[in-house]
Amino acid sequence: MSEASVQPGVSGEIKLVGVLDYRTGPGLRKQGAELIKSSTATALVIDCSEVEKSSSVGLALLLGFMRDGAAAGKTVSVRALPEDMRQIAQVSELTEMLQHN
């Protein structure tokens, strides 16, 4: 398993990478909030294609990033939501909120 990280991608893209769980969540939350705040893009996409595994912490991160974006006047959408995160989103009735526009 790779170490988890939040990385800037191409313009307006933020990549979530690795395993998202209670150990990695707090650090990722801080990293993502800083990337969102410092981004000059008005529309951001959180790319989850490199997420290896996620608990409900991954969904909490995405929702937190959406709140950060809204507070900064930016739209945030999600791309390539992994199956484990999709299943948790369905149970939590968050699927529509996390769909990429």
Protein backbone atom coordinates (compact mmCIF):
# COMPACT_ATOMS: atom_id res chain seq x y z
CA MET A 1 0.00 0.00 0.00
CA SER A 2 1.23 3.46 -0.81
CA GLU A 3 1.38 6.35 1.57
CA ALA A 4 -1.70 8.56 1.39
CA SER A 5 -1.43 12.09 0.06
CA VAL A 6 -3.32 14.97 -1.48
CA GLN A 7 -1.50 16.34 -4.52
CA PRO A 8 -2.09 19.17 -6.96
CA GLY A 9 -2.82 17.89 -10.46
CA VAL A 10 -3.33 19.84 -13.64
CA SER A 11 -5.03 23.21 -13.32
CA GLY A 12 -8.03 22.91 -11.02
CA GLU A 13 -7.39 19.28 -10.13
CA ILE A 14 -6.55 17.80 -6.74
CA LYS A 15 -5.57 14.13 -6.53
CA LEU A 16 -6.32 11.91 -3.55
CA VAL A 17 -3.84 9.02 -3.42
CA GLY A 18 -3.45 5.89 -1.28
CA VAL A 19 -5.41 4.56 1.68
CA LEU A 20 -7.94 6.89 3.32
CA ASP A 21 -8.61 5.91 6.92
CA TYR A 22 -8.50 7.23 10.48
CA ARG A 23 -4.67 7.26 10.45
CA THR A 24 -4.29 9.27 7.26
CA GLY A 25 -7.46 11.38 7.39
CA PRO A 26 -6.37 14.29 9.63
CA GLY A 27 -3.21 15.01 7.63
CA LEU A 28 -5.01 14.72 4.32
CA ARG A 29 -7.72 17.06 5.55
CA LYS A 30 -5.14 19.77 6.29
CA GLN A 31 -3.27 19.25 3.01
CA GLY A 32 -6.45 19.38 0.94
CA ALA A 33 -7.78 22.47 2.70
CA GLU A 34 -4.53 24.30 1.94
CA LEU A 35 -4.55 23.25 -1.72
CA ILE A 36 -8.14 24.40 -2.13
CA LYS A 37 -7.46 27.70 -0.39
CA SER A 38 -4.33 28.42 -2.45
CA SER A 39 -5.78 27.36 -5.82
CA THR A 40 -6.55 30.14 -8.29
CA ALA A 41 -9.11 27.95 -10.09
CA THR A 42 -12.79 28.70 -9.46
CA ALA A 43 -13.85 25.12 -10.26
CA LEU A 44 -11.92 22.26 -8.67
CA VAL A 45 -12.09 18.53 -9.35
CA ILE A 46 -11.08 16.00 -6.70
CA ASP A 47 -9.64 13.02 -8.62
CA CYS A 48 -10.01 9.78 -6.63
CA SER A 49 -8.66 7.44 -9.33
CA GLU A 50 -5.55 6.65 -7.28
CA VAL A 51 -7.35 5.89 -4.00
CA GLU A 52 -6.42 2.31 -3.09
CA LYS A 53 -8.88 1.82 -0.23
CA SER A 54 -11.19 4.01 1.79
CA SER A 55 -13.27 3.88 4.92
CA SER A 56 -15.95 6.44 5.69
CA VAL A 57 -13.03 8.81 6.35
CA GLY A 58 -12.67 9.23 2.59
CA LEU A 59 -16.23 10.51 2.27
CA ALA A 60 -15.73 12.81 5.23
CA LEU A 61 -12.65 14.22 3.46
CA LEU A 62 -14.60 14.85 0.25
CA LEU A 63 -17.42 16.58 2.11
CA GLY A 64 -14.89 18.69 4.01
CA PHE A 65 -13.19 19.65 0.75
CA MET A 66 -16.57 20.65 -0.71
CA ARG A 67 -17.22 22.88 2.32
CA ASP A 68 -13.73 24.40 1.97
CA GLY A 69 -14.40 25.13 -1.68
CA ALA A 70 -17.78 26.71 -0.95
CA ALA A 71 -16.23 28.89 1.76
CA ALA A 72 -13.64 30.06 -0.79
CA GLY A 73 -16.27 30.71 -3.48
CA LYS A 74 -15.19 27.70 -5.58
CA THR A 75 -17.14 24.74 -6.88
CA VAL A 76 -15.77 21.30 -6.05
CA SER A 77 -16.73 18.11 -7.88
CA VAL A 78 -15.49 14.53 -7.60
CA ARG A 79 -14.13 12.28 -10.33
CA ALA A 80 -13.48 8.51 -10.32
CA LEU A 81 -15.09 7.67 -6.98
CA PRO A 82 -13.85 4.14 -6.10
CA GLU A 83 -16.39 1.37 -5.54
CA ASP A 84 -15.86 1.16 -1.76
CA MET A 85 -16.46 4.91 -1.42
CA ARG A 86 -19.45 4.69 -3.78
CA GLN A 87 -21.04 1.98 -1.61
CA ILE A 88 -20.59 4.03 1.58
CA ALA A 89 -22.02 7.07 -0.23
CA GLN A 90 -25.09 5.06 -1.28
CA VAL A 91 -25.77 3.89 2.26
CA SER A 92 -25.29 7.45 3.51
CA GLU A 93 -27.49 8.86 0.73
CA LEU A 94 -24.64 11.07 -0.52
CA THR A 95 -24.29 9.67 -4.05
CA GLU A 96 -25.94 12.61 -5.81
CA MET A 97 -23.86 15.13 -3.90
CA LEU A 98 -20.62 13.44 -4.97
CA GLN A 99 -21.42 12.86 -8.65
CA HIS A 100 -19.17 14.65 -11.12
CA ASN A 101 -21.07 17.33 -13.03
